């Protein structure tokens, strides 16, 4: 199996979470919520995240509110567990968040 697709142990997940402030595990999902100054900034971030997801071939559940965006991800092909792919996507999202005025 591809190492990127191997489910991470609870210890591995905890260690990686320490590198991503604001992210947490809820059930079997790696999650983060973002707040913005308005709706357009939130929508722009959704589009930017969609571009990254297409590039990586790995997609999160995105929940758009007026000035909020929720991100929840796991790897469906390994039974909905958290893998390296999920943390890779989370890191990429964190890299772009400041550009969109995340509060």
Protein backbone atom coordinates (compact mmCIF):
# COMPACT_ATOMS: atom_id res chain seq x y z
CA UNK A 1 0.00 0.00 0.00
CA UNK A 2 1.13 3.54 -0.75
CA UNK A 3 2.55 5.09 2.45
CA UNK A 4 0.43 8.20 1.81
CA UNK A 5 -2.67 6.00 2.05
CA UNK A 6 -1.84 4.12 5.23
CA UNK A 7 -4.07 5.13 8.14
CA UNK A 8 -2.13 7.03 10.79
CA UNK A 9 -1.99 5.82 14.37
CA UNK A 10 -3.57 7.96 17.07
CA UNK A 11 -0.05 8.94 18.19
CA UNK A 12 0.92 10.00 14.65
CA UNK A 13 -2.27 12.05 14.35
CA UNK A 14 -1.56 13.81 17.67
CA UNK A 15 2.00 14.62 16.63
CA UNK A 16 0.87 16.07 13.30
CA UNK A 17 -1.94 18.05 14.94
CA UNK A 18 0.67 19.81 17.08
CA UNK A 19 2.05 21.28 13.83
CA UNK A 20 -1.38 22.58 12.73
CA UNK A 21 -2.86 24.96 15.30
CA UNK A 22 -6.62 25.28 14.94
CA UNK A 23 -7.09 21.81 13.47
CA UNK A 24 -8.68 19.02 15.48
CA UNK A 25 -10.01 15.51 15.12
CA UNK A 26 -13.76 15.05 15.35
CA UNK A 27 -14.64 11.38 15.10
CA UNK A 28 -12.71 10.13 12.07
CA UNK A 29 -12.32 13.56 10.48
CA UNK A 30 -9.52 16.11 10.47
CA UNK A 31 -11.34 19.45 10.90
CA UNK A 32 -10.84 23.20 10.99
CA UNK A 33 -13.12 26.19 10.92
CA UNK A 34 -12.18 29.57 9.47
CA UNK A 35 -13.80 32.98 9.93
CA UNK A 36 -13.56 35.88 7.49
CA UNK A 37 -14.48 39.56 7.35
CA UNK A 38 -17.26 38.87 4.87
CA UNK A 39 -18.88 36.46 2.47
CA UNK A 40 -16.75 37.20 -0.58
CA UNK A 41 -13.52 36.35 1.26
CA UNK A 42 -15.02 33.04 2.39
CA UNK A 43 -16.13 32.20 -1.16
CA UNK A 44 -12.72 33.12 -2.57
CA UNK A 45 -11.07 30.73 -0.13
CA UNK A 46 -13.47 27.95 -1.17
CA UNK A 47 -12.41 28.43 -4.79
CA UNK A 48 -8.73 28.44 -3.83
CA UNK A 49 -9.15 25.27 -1.73
CA UNK A 50 -10.99 23.63 -4.65
CA UNK A 51 -8.00 24.34 -6.90
CA UNK A 52 -5.63 22.73 -4.40
CA UNK A 53 -7.91 19.71 -4.00
CA UNK A 54 -7.98 19.16 -7.75
CA UNK A 55 -4.19 19.46 -7.91
CA UNK A 56 -3.78 16.88 -5.12
CA UNK A 57 -6.63 14.63 -6.26
CA UNK A 58 -7.86 14.63 -2.67
CA UNK A 59 -11.02 16.38 -1.53
CA UNK A 60 -12.43 17.60 1.77
CA UNK A 61 -15.99 18.38 2.74
CA UNK A 62 -16.31 22.16 2.65
CA UNK A 63 -19.15 23.93 4.46
CA UNK A 64 -19.64 27.56 3.47
CA UNK A 65 -21.47 30.05 5.66
CA UNK A 66 -21.78 33.83 5.34
CA UNK A 67 -18.32 34.54 6.76
CA UNK A 68 -17.25 31.04 7.73
CA UNK A 69 -15.74 27.98 6.10
CA UNK A 70 -15.63 24.53 7.66
CA UNK A 71 -13.19 21.92 6.37
CA UNK A 72 -13.48 18.21 7.24
CA UNK A 73 -11.36 15.53 5.60
CA UNK A 74 -10.38 11.88 5.80
CA UNK A 75 -9.38 9.28 3.25
CA UNK A 76 -12.38 7.33 2.00
CA UNK A 77 -10.30 4.68 0.21
CA UNK A 78 -8.96 3.39 3.56
CA UNK A 79 -12.30 3.25 5.34
CA UNK A 80 -12.58 6.91 6.27
CA UNK A 81 -9.39 7.03 8.33
CA UNK A 82 -6.94 9.92 8.60
CA UNK A 83 -3.81 9.58 6.45
CA UNK A 84 -0.80 11.59 5.32
CA UNK A 85 -2.93 12.84 2.41
CA UNK A 86 -5.29 14.58 4.83
CA UNK A 87 -2.49 16.35 6.64
CA UNK A 88 -0.92 17.33 3.31
CA UNK A 89 -4.18 18.97 2.26
CA UNK A 90 -4.54 20.66 5.66
CA UNK A 91 -1.02 22.13 5.41
CA UNK A 92 -1.73 23.49 1.94
CA UNK A 93 -4.97 25.08 3.17
CA UNK A 94 -3.11 26.67 6.09
CA UNK A 95 -0.57 28.15 3.66
CA UNK A 96 -3.24 30.02 1.72
CA UNK A 97 -5.50 31.04 4.63
CA UNK A 98 -3.67 34.30 5.47
CA UNK A 99 -4.08 35.53 1.88
CA UNK A 100 -7.85 35.38 2.36
CA UNK A 101 -7.90 37.41 5.56
CA UNK A 102 -8.71 34.59 7.94
CA UNK A 103 -9.46 35.90 11.42
